[in-house]
Amino acid sequence: WQWNKPTSITFLSTFLIIDLLFLSSNSLKIPHGGWLP
């Protein structure tokens, strides 16, 4: 799509922060069953 760098990096950082927040909070479930998937 060749978006300019500021726009594409804004997209990546915004949603990656949200995804990483969910992943890191779910990582605490690993000892209680999260290890399975």
All heavy atoms as atom14 arrays in JSON, in Angstrom:
{
  "sequence": "WQWNKPTSITFLSTFLIIDLLFLSSNSLKIPHGGWLP",
  "atom14_mask": [
    [1, 1, 1, 1, 1, 1, 1, 1, 1, 1, 1, 1, 1, 1],
    [1, 1, 1, 1, 1, 1, 1, 1, 1, 0, 0, 0, 0, 0],
    [1, 1, 1, 1, 1, 1, 1, 1, 1, 1, 1, 1, 1, 1],
    [1, 1, 1, 1, 1, 1, 1, 1, 0, 0, 0, 0, 0, 0],
    [1, 1, 1, 1, 1, 1, 1, 1, 1, 0, 0, 0, 0, 0],
    [1, 1, 1, 1, 1, 1, 1, 0, 0, 0, 0, 0, 0, 0],
    [1, 1, 1, 1, 1, 1, 1, 0, 0, 0, 0, 0, 0, 0],
    [1, 1, 1, 1, 1, 1, 0, 0, 0, 0, 0, 0, 0, 0],
    [1, 1, 1, 1, 1, 1, 1, 1, 0, 0, 0, 0, 0, 0],
    [1, 1, 1, 1, 1, 1, 1, 0, 0, 0, 0, 0, 0, 0],
    [1, 1, 1, 1, 1, 1, 1, 1, 1, 1, 1, 0, 0, 0],
    [1, 1, 1, 1, 1, 1, 1, 1, 0, 0, 0, 0, 0, 0],
    [1, 1, 1, 1, 1, 1, 0, 0, 0, 0, 0, 0, 0, 0],
    [1, 1, 1, 1, 1, 1, 1, 0, 0, 0, 0, 0, 0, 0],
    [1, 1, 1, 1, 1, 1, 1, 1, 1, 1, 1, 0, 0, 0],
    [1, 1, 1, 1, 1, 1, 1, 1, 0, 0, 0, 0, 0, 0],
    [1, 1, 1, 1, 1, 1, 1, 1, 0, 0, 0, 0, 0, 0],
    [1, 1, 1, 1, 1, 1, 1, 1, 0, 0, 0, 0, 0, 0],
    [1, 1, 1, 1, 1, 1, 1, 1, 0, 0, 0, 0, 0, 0],
    [1, 1, 1, 1, 1, 1, 1, 1, 0, 0, 0, 0, 0, 0],
    [1, 1, 1, 1, 1, 1, 1, 1, 0, 0, 0, 0, 0, 0],
    [1, 1, 1, 1, 1, 1, 1, 1, 1, 1, 1, 0, 0, 0],
    [1, 1, 1, 1, 1, 1, 1, 1, 0, 0, 0, 0, 0, 0],
    [1, 1, 1, 1, 1, 1, 0, 0, 0, 0, 0, 0, 0, 0],
    [1, 1, 1, 1, 1, 1, 0, 0, 0, 0, 0, 0, 0, 0],
    [1, 1, 1, 1, 1, 1, 1, 1, 0, 0, 0, 0, 0, 0],
    [1, 1, 1, 1, 1, 1, 0, 0, 0, 0, 0, 0, 0, 0],
    [1, 1, 1, 1, 1, 1, 1, 1, 0, 0, 0, 0, 0, 0],
    [1, 1, 1, 1, 1, 1, 1, 1, 1, 0, 0, 0, 0, 0],
    [1, 1, 1, 1, 1, 1, 1, 1, 0, 0, 0, 0, 0, 0],
    [1, 1, 1, 1, 1, 1, 1, 0, 0, 0, 0, 0, 0, 0],
    [1, 1, 1, 1, 1, 1, 1, 1, 1, 1, 0, 0, 0, 0],
    [1, 1, 1, 1, 0, 0, 0, 0, 0, 0, 0, 0, 0, 0],
    [1, 1, 1, 1, 0, 0, 0, 0, 0, 0, 0, 0, 0, 0],
    [1, 1, 1, 1, 1, 1, 1, 1, 1, 1, 1, 1, 1, 1],
    [1, 1, 1, 1, 1, 1, 1, 1, 0, 0, 0, 0, 0, 0],
    [1, 1, 1, 1, 1, 1, 1, 0, 0, 0, 0, 0, 0, 0]
  ],
  "atom14_positions": [
    [[0.82, -1.21, 0.0], [0.0, 0.0, 0.0], [0.85, 1.26, 0.0], [0.38, 2.32, -0.34], [-0.92, 0.01, 1.21], [-1.91, -1.12, 1.23], [-2.12, -2.05, 0.26], [-2.81, -1.44, 2.29], [-3.09, -2.94, 0.64], [-3.54, -2.59, 1.89], [-3.09, -0.88, 3.53], [-4.52, -3.16, 2.67], [-4.07, -1.45, 4.32], [-4.78, -2.58, 3.9]],
    [[2.11, 1.09, 0.46], [3.08, 2.18, 0.48], [2.58, 3.42, 1.24], [2.66, 4.54, 0.76], [3.48, 2.56, -0.96], [4.19, 1.41, -1.66], [4.63, 1.74, -3.07], [4.13, 2.67, -3.67], [5.56, 0.97, -3.6], [0.0, 0.0, 0.0], [0.0, 0.0, 0.0], [0.0, 0.0, 0.0], [0.0, 0.0, 0.0], [0.0, 0.0, 0.0]],
    [[2.04, 3.16, 2.44], [1.72, 4.27, 3.33], [3.02, 4.94, 3.75], [4.08, 4.3, 3.79], [1.0, 3.77, 4.58], [-0.42, 3.36, 4.35], [-1.06, 3.18, 3.15], [-1.39, 3.05, 5.35], [-2.35, 2.77, 3.35], [-2.58, 2.69, 4.7], [-1.36, 3.04, 6.74], [-3.74, 2.33, 5.38], [-2.51, 2.68, 7.44], [-3.69, 2.33, 6.76]],
    [[2.94, 6.22, 4.13], [4.15, 6.87, 4.61], [4.53, 6.31, 5.99], [3.69, 5.75, 6.69], [3.99, 8.39, 4.66], [2.81, 8.81, 5.55], [2.7, 8.39, 6.7], [1.93, 9.63, 5.02], [0.0, 0.0, 0.0], [0.0, 0.0, 0.0], [0.0, 0.0, 0.0], [0.0, 0.0, 0.0], [0.0, 0.0, 0.0], [0.0, 0.0, 0.0]],
    [[5.78, 6.46, 6.35], [6.3, 5.82, 7.57], [5.56, 6.23, 8.84], [5.19, 5.37, 9.64], [7.8, 6.12, 7.71], [8.67, 5.08, 7.03], [10.11, 5.2, 7.47], [10.93, 4.05, 6.89], [12.34, 4.11, 7.3], [0.0, 0.0, 0.0], [0.0, 0.0, 0.0], [0.0, 0.0, 0.0], [0.0, 0.0, 0.0], [0.0, 0.0, 0.0]],
    [[5.32, 7.53, 9.08], [4.62, 7.91, 10.32], [3.25, 7.23, 10.46], [2.89, 6.75, 11.54], [4.47, 9.43, 10.19], [5.58, 9.85, 9.28], [5.73, 8.72, 8.31], [0.0, 0.0, 0.0], [0.0, 0.0, 0.0], [0.0, 0.0, 0.0], [0.0, 0.0, 0.0], [0.0, 0.0, 0.0], [0.0, 0.0, 0.0], [0.0, 0.0, 0.0]],
    [[2.48, 7.17, 9.35], [1.14, 6.56, 9.41], [1.22, 5.07, 9.69], [0.49, 4.53, 10.54], [0.39, 6.8, 8.08], [0.41, 8.19, 7.77], [-1.05, 6.33, 8.19], [0.0, 0.0, 0.0], [0.0, 0.0, 0.0], [0.0, 0.0, 0.0], [0.0, 0.0, 0.0], [0.0, 0.0, 0.0], [0.0, 0.0, 0.0], [0.0, 0.0, 0.0]],
    [[2.11, 4.37, 8.96], [2.21, 2.92, 9.13], [2.76, 2.56, 10.5], [2.31, 1.58, 11.12], [3.08, 2.31, 8.03], [4.35, 2.92, 8.0], [0.0, 0.0, 0.0], [0.0, 0.0, 0.0], [0.0, 0.0, 0.0], [0.0, 0.0, 0.0], [0.0, 0.0, 0.0], [0.0, 0.0, 0.0], [0.0, 0.0, 0.0], [0.0, 0.0, 0.0]],
    [[3.71, 3.33, 11.01], [4.28, 3.06, 12.34], [3.25, 3.35, 13.43], [3.17, 2.63, 14.43], [5.57, 3.87, 12.56], [6.69, 3.29, 11.68], [6.0, 3.84, 14.02], [7.96, 4.1, 11.64], [0.0, 0.0, 0.0], [0.0, 0.0, 0.0], [0.0, 0.0, 0.0], [0.0, 0.0, 0.0], [0.0, 0.0, 0.0], [0.0, 0.0, 0.0]],
    [[2.41, 4.36, 13.21], [1.32, 4.65, 14.16], [0.36, 3.47, 14.24], [-0.06, 3.06, 15.33], [0.55, 5.92, 13.75], [1.45, 7.02, 13.71], [-0.59, 6.22, 14.72], [0.0, 0.0, 0.0], [0.0, 0.0, 0.0], [0.0, 0.0, 0.0], [0.0, 0.0, 0.0], [0.0, 0.0, 0.0], [0.0, 0.0, 0.0], [0.0, 0.0, 0.0]],
    [[0.02, 2.91, 13.06], [-0.85, 1.72, 13.01], [-0.22, 0.58, 13.8], [-0.86, -0.03, 14.66], [-1.08, 1.29, 11.56], [-1.72, -0.06, 11.41], [-3.1, -0.19, 11.4], [-0.95, -1.21, 11.28], [-3.7, -1.44, 11.27], [-1.53, -2.46, 11.16], [-2.91, -2.56, 11.15], [0.0, 0.0, 0.0], [0.0, 0.0, 0.0], [0.0, 0.0, 0.0]],
    [[1.04, 0.28, 13.5], [1.72, -0.85, 14.14], [1.8, -0.65, 15.64], [1.42, -1.55, 16.41], [3.13, -1.01, 13.56], [3.99, -2.1, 14.22], [3.44, -3.47, 13.9], [5.44, -2.0, 13.77], [0.0, 0.0, 0.0], [0.0, 0.0, 0.0], [0.0, 0.0, 0.0], [0.0, 0.0, 0.0], [0.0, 0.0, 0.0], [0.0, 0.0, 0.0]],
    [[2.27, 0.51, 16.08], [2.5, 0.73, 17.52], [1.2, 0.72, 18.31], [1.12, 0.13, 19.4], [3.25, 2.05, 17.74], [2.57, 3.12, 17.14], [0.0, 0.0, 0.0], [0.0, 0.0, 0.0], [0.0, 0.0, 0.0], [0.0, 0.0, 0.0], [0.0, 0.0, 0.0], [0.0, 0.0, 0.0], [0.0, 0.0, 0.0], [0.0, 0.0, 0.0]],
    [[0.14, 1.33, 17.75], [-1.15, 1.39, 18.46], [-1.7, 0.0, 18.74], [-2.01, -0.36, 19.88], [-2.18, 2.21, 17.66], [-1.69, 3.52, 17.45], [-3.52, 2.28, 18.4], [0.0, 0.0, 0.0], [0.0, 0.0, 0.0], [0.0, 0.0, 0.0], [0.0, 0.0, 0.0], [0.0, 0.0, 0.0], [0.0, 0.0, 0.0], [0.0, 0.0, 0.0]],
    [[-1.82, -0.79, 17.67], [-2.46, -2.1, 17.84], [-1.51, -3.14, 18.44], [-1.96, -4.05, 19.14], [-3.02, -2.59, 16.5], [-4.16, -1.74, 16.01], [-4.03, -0.95, 14.89], [-5.36, -1.72, 16.7], [-5.08, -0.16, 14.44], [-6.41, -0.93, 16.27], [-6.28, -0.14, 15.14], [0.0, 0.0, 0.0], [0.0, 0.0, 0.0], [0.0, 0.0, 0.0]],
    [[-0.21, -2.96, 18.21], [0.74, -3.9, 18.82], [0.79, -3.71, 20.33], [0.9, -4.7, 21.07], [2.14, -3.69, 18.21], [3.11, -4.86, 18.35], [2.53, -6.14, 17.75], [4.44, -4.54, 17.67], [0.0, 0.0, 0.0], [0.0, 0.0, 0.0], [0.0, 0.0, 0.0], [0.0, 0.0, 0.0], [0.0, 0.0, 0.0], [0.0, 0.0, 0.0]],
    [[0.67, -2.48, 20.81], [0.64, -2.23, 22.26], [-0.57, -2.91, 22.88], [-0.48, -3.55, 23.93], [0.64, -0.71, 22.54], [2.03, -0.11, 22.25], [0.24, -0.43, 23.99], [2.06, 1.41, 22.25], [0.0, 0.0, 0.0], [0.0, 0.0, 0.0], [0.0, 0.0, 0.0], [0.0, 0.0, 0.0], [0.0, 0.0, 0.0], [0.0, 0.0, 0.0]],
    [[-1.74, -2.77, 22.21], [-2.97, -3.4, 22.73], [-2.82, -4.92, 22.74], [-3.14, -5.59, 23.73], [-4.19, -2.99, 21.86], [-4.44, -1.49, 21.98], [-5.43, -3.77, 22.29], [-5.46, -0.95, 20.98], [0.0, 0.0, 0.0], [0.0, 0.0, 0.0], [0.0, 0.0, 0.0], [0.0, 0.0, 0.0], [0.0, 0.0, 0.0], [0.0, 0.0, 0.0]],
    [[-2.32, -5.48, 21.62], [-2.15, -6.94, 21.53], [-1.15, -7.45, 22.56], [-1.38, -8.5, 23.19], [-1.66, -7.32, 20.12], [-2.7, -7.05, 19.05], [-3.89, -6.98, 19.39], [-2.31, -6.92, 17.87], [0.0, 0.0, 0.0], [0.0, 0.0, 0.0], [0.0, 0.0, 0.0], [0.0, 0.0, 0.0], [0.0, 0.0, 0.0], [0.0, 0.0, 0.0]],
    [[-0.05, -6.74, 22.75], [0.96, -7.17, 23.72], [0.44, -7.07, 25.15], [0.8, -7.88, 26.0], [2.24, -6.33, 23.56], [3.07, -6.65, 22.31], [4.18, -5.62, 22.13], [3.67, -8.06, 22.4], [0.0, 0.0, 0.0], [0.0, 0.0, 0.0], [0.0, 0.0, 0.0], [0.0, 0.0, 0.0], [0.0, 0.0, 0.0], [0.0, 0.0, 0.0]],
    [[-0.41, -6.07, 25.41], [-1.02, -5.94, 26.74], [-1.88, -7.18, 27.03], [-1.79, -7.78, 28.11], [-1.88, -4.67, 26.8], [-2.7, -4.47, 28.08], [-1.79, -4.34, 29.3], [-3.61, -3.25, 27.96], [0.0, 0.0, 0.0], [0.0, 0.0, 0.0], [0.0, 0.0, 0.0], [0.0, 0.0, 0.0], [0.0, 0.0, 0.0], [0.0, 0.0, 0.0]],
    [[-2.69, -7.58, 26.04], [-3.53, -8.77, 26.22], [-2.68, -10.04, 26.33], [-2.96, -10.91, 27.17], [-4.52, -8.91, 25.05], [-5.72, -8.01, 25.16], [-6.06, -7.15, 24.13], [-6.53, -8.04, 26.29], [-7.17, -6.32, 24.21], [-7.65, -7.22, 26.39], [-7.96, -6.35, 25.34], [0.0, 0.0, 0.0], [0.0, 0.0, 0.0], [0.0, 0.0, 0.0]],
    [[-1.64, -10.14, 25.5], [-0.79, -11.34, 25.53], [-0.06, -11.46, 26.86], [-0.02, -12.55, 27.46], [0.22, -11.31, 24.38], [1.16, -12.51, 24.3], [0.39, -13.77, 23.96], [2.27, -12.28, 23.28], [0.0, 0.0, 0.0], [0.0, 0.0, 0.0], [0.0, 0.0, 0.0], [0.0, 0.0, 0.0], [0.0, 0.0, 0.0], [0.0, 0.0, 0.0]],
    [[0.51, -10.36, 27.34], [1.27, -10.41, 28.59], [0.36, -10.72, 29.78], [0.75, -11.46, 30.69], [2.03, -9.1, 28.81], [1.16, -8.0, 28.71], [0.0, 0.0, 0.0], [0.0, 0.0, 0.0], [0.0, 0.0, 0.0], [0.0, 0.0, 0.0], [0.0, 0.0, 0.0], [0.0, 0.0, 0.0], [0.0, 0.0, 0.0], [0.0, 0.0, 0.0]],
    [[-0.86, -10.18, 29.78], [-1.79, -10.49, 30.88], [-2.22, -11.95, 30.82], [-2.39, -12.6, 31.86], [-3.0, -9.56, 30.84], [-3.72, -9.72, 29.64], [0.0, 0.0, 0.0], [0.0, 0.0, 0.0], [0.0, 0.0, 0.0], [0.0, 0.0, 0.0], [0.0, 0.0, 0.0], [0.0, 0.0, 0.0], [0.0, 0.0, 0.0], [0.0, 0.0, 0.0]],
    [[-2.39, -12.48, 29.6], [-2.75, -13.89, 29.46], [-1.59, -14.82, 29.78], [-1.81, -15.99, 30.11], [-3.25, -14.16, 28.04], [-4.72, -13.86, 27.87], [-5.59, -14.65, 28.22], [-5.03, -12.68, 27.36], [0.0, 0.0, 0.0], [0.0, 0.0, 0.0], [0.0, 0.0, 0.0], [0.0, 0.0, 0.0], [0.0, 0.0, 0.0], [0.0, 0.0, 0.0]],
    [[-0.35, -14.32, 29.66], [0.81, -15.16, 29.96], [0.83, -15.59, 31.42], [1.44, -16.61, 31.76], [2.1, -14.42, 29.61], [2.28, -13.29, 30.45], [0.0, 0.0, 0.0], [0.0, 0.0, 0.0], [0.0, 0.0, 0.0], [0.0, 0.0, 0.0], [0.0, 0.0, 0.0], [0.0, 0.0, 0.0], [0.0, 0.0, 0.0], [0.0, 0.0, 0.0]],
    [[0.14, -14.84, 32.28], [0.06, -15.22, 33.69], [-0.79, -16.47, 33.9], [-0.76, -17.08, 34.97], [-0.51, -14.06, 34.52], [0.32, -12.76, 34.46], [-0.44, -11.62, 35.13], [1.66, -12.95, 35.13], [0.0, 0.0, 0.0], [0.0, 0.0, 0.0], [0.0, 0.0, 0.0], [0.0, 0.0, 0.0], [0.0, 0.0, 0.0], [0.0, 0.0, 0.0]],
    [[-1.55, -16.84, 32.85], [-2.38, -18.05, 32.94], [-1.6, -19.31, 32.6], [-2.13, -20.42, 32.73], [-3.56, -17.95, 31.95], [-4.52, -16.8, 32.17], [-5.58, -16.83, 31.07], [-6.59, -15.72, 31.2], [-7.59, -15.76, 30.11], [0.0, 0.0, 0.0], [0.0, 0.0, 0.0], [0.0, 0.0, 0.0], [0.0, 0.0, 0.0], [0.0, 0.0, 0.0]],
    [[-0.36, -19.15, 32.13], [0.4, -20.3, 31.64], [0.47, -21.44, 32.67], [0.22, -22.61, 32.31], [1.81, -19.87, 31.18], [1.69, -19.04, 29.9], [2.72, -21.08, 30.94], [2.99, -18.43, 29.41], [0.0, 0.0, 0.0], [0.0, 0.0, 0.0], [0.0, 0.0, 0.0], [0.0, 0.0, 0.0], [0.0, 0.0, 0.0], [0.0, 0.0, 0.0]],
    [[0.8, -21.18, 33.94], [0.86, -22.3, 34.9], [-0.48, -22.97, 35.15], [-0.54, -24.11, 35.61], [1.39, -21.64, 36.19], [1.96, -20.33, 35.76], [1.17, -19.9, 34.58], [0.0, 0.0, 0.0], [0.0, 0.0, 0.0], [0.0, 0.0, 0.0], [0.0, 0.0, 0.0], [0.0, 0.0, 0.0], [0.0, 0.0, 0.0], [0.0, 0.0, 0.0]],
    [[-1.6, -22.27, 34.86], [-2.93, -22.79, 35.2], [-3.68, -23.35, 33.99], [-4.89, -23.54, 34.04], [-3.77, -21.67, 35.85], [-3.08, -21.0, 36.98], [-2.87, -21.61, 38.2], [-2.51, -19.77, 37.09], [-2.22, -20.79, 39.01], [-1.99, -19.66, 38.36], [0.0, 0.0, 0.0], [0.0, 0.0, 0.0], [0.0, 0.0, 0.0], [0.0, 0.0, 0.0]],
    [[-2.98, -23.6, 32.91], [-3.62, -24.18, 31.73], [-3.24, -23.47, 30.44], [-3.45, -24.02, 29.35], [0.0, 0.0, 0.0], [0.0, 0.0, 0.0], [0.0, 0.0, 0.0], [0.0, 0.0, 0.0], [0.0, 0.0, 0.0], [0.0, 0.0, 0.0], [0.0, 0.0, 0.0], [0.0, 0.0, 0.0], [0.0, 0.0, 0.0], [0.0, 0.0, 0.0]],
    [[-2.7, -22.25, 30.54], [-2.31, -21.52, 29.35], [-1.17, -22.18, 28.6], [-0.93, -21.87, 27.43], [0.0, 0.0, 0.0], [0.0, 0.0, 0.0], [0.0, 0.0, 0.0], [0.0, 0.0, 0.0], [0.0, 0.0, 0.0], [0.0, 0.0, 0.0], [0.0, 0.0, 0.0], [0.0, 0.0, 0.0], [0.0, 0.0, 0.0], [0.0, 0.0, 0.0]],
    [[-0.47, -23.11, 29.27], [0.63, -23.83, 28.61], [0.12, -24.73, 27.48], [0.86, -25.04, 26.54], [1.38, -24.7, 29.64], [0.48, -25.64, 30.39], [-0.15, -25.42, 31.58], [0.07, -26.95, 29.98], [-0.92, -26.49, 31.94], [-0.79, -27.46, 30.98], [0.37, -27.75, 28.88], [-1.36, -28.71, 30.9], [-0.21, -29.01, 28.8], [-1.06, -29.47, 29.81]],
    [[-1.14, -25.14, 27.57], [-1.67, -26.12, 26.62], [-1.64, -25.63, 25.17], [-1.06, -26.3, 24.31], [-3.09, -26.52, 27.03], [-3.74, -27.59, 26.16], [-3.04, -28.93, 26.33], [-5.21, -27.73, 26.49], [0.0, 0.0, 0.0], [0.0, 0.0, 0.0], [0.0, 0.0, 0.0], [0.0, 0.0, 0.0], [0.0, 0.0, 0.0], [0.0, 0.0, 0.0]],
    [[-2.26, -24.47, 24.85], [-2.19, -24.03, 23.45], [-0.77, -23.73, 23.0], [-0.45, -23.87, 21.81], [-3.06, -22.76, 23.43], [-3.17, -22.32, 24.83], [-3.08, -23.56, 25.67], [0.0, 0.0, 0.0], [0.0, 0.0, 0.0], [0.0, 0.0, 0.0], [0.0, 0.0, 0.0], [0.0, 0.0, 0.0], [0.0, 0.0, 0.0], [0.0, 0.0, 0.0]]
  ]
}
